[in-house]
Amino acid sequence: MVSAKIADRIIVFKQGAIIETGIHDELMILEKEYYRLYTM
């Protein structure tokens, strides 16, 4: 997950569907699926 912090765009999939997109900081603020996976 460290490389996710420097990615231009992160796309989070769940069951084949895109559920979130953004950069690391944006997705962490939302505290949704990306946040949950990153903070495991």
Protein backbone atom coordinates (compact mmCIF):
# COMPACT_ATOMS: atom_id res chain seq x y z
CA MET A 1 0.00 0.00 0.00
CA VAL A 2 2.99 2.35 0.31
CA SER A 3 3.05 2.88 -3.47
CA ALA A 4 -0.59 3.99 -3.29
CA LYS A 5 0.50 7.15 -1.46
CA ILE A 6 2.43 8.34 -4.52
CA ALA A 7 0.01 7.20 -7.22
CA ASP A 8 -1.54 9.81 -9.53
CA ARG A 9 -4.97 8.19 -9.15
CA ILE A 10 -6.23 5.31 -7.01
CA ILE A 11 -9.22 3.26 -8.15
CA VAL A 12 -10.91 1.02 -5.59
CA PHE A 13 -12.93 -1.92 -6.91
CA LYS A 14 -15.44 -4.03 -5.02
CA GLN A 15 -17.16 -6.99 -6.66
CA GLY A 16 -16.02 -5.77 -10.09
CA ALA A 17 -17.38 -2.22 -9.70
CA ILE A 18 -15.49 1.01 -9.09
CA ILE A 19 -16.52 2.30 -5.67
CA GLU A 20 -13.94 5.05 -5.07
CA THR A 21 -11.40 7.06 -7.05
CA GLY A 22 -8.98 9.76 -6.00
CA ILE A 23 -5.56 10.38 -4.53
CA HIS A 24 -4.45 8.94 -1.19
CA ASP A 25 -5.27 12.03 0.89
CA GLU A 26 -8.76 12.40 -0.63
CA LEU A 27 -9.62 8.75 -0.03
CA MET A 28 -8.32 8.82 3.54
CA ILE A 29 -10.54 11.82 4.36
CA LEU A 30 -13.61 9.94 3.11
CA GLU A 31 -12.94 7.07 5.57
CA LYS A 32 -14.63 4.49 3.31
CA GLU A 33 -13.31 1.24 1.78
CA TYR A 34 -9.83 2.55 0.86
CA TYR A 35 -9.40 3.94 4.36
CA ARG A 36 -10.50 0.62 5.87
CA LEU A 37 -8.04 -1.35 3.73
CA TYR A 38 -5.18 1.08 4.30
CA THR A 39 -5.57 1.13 8.08
CA MET A 40 -5.89 -2.64 8.57
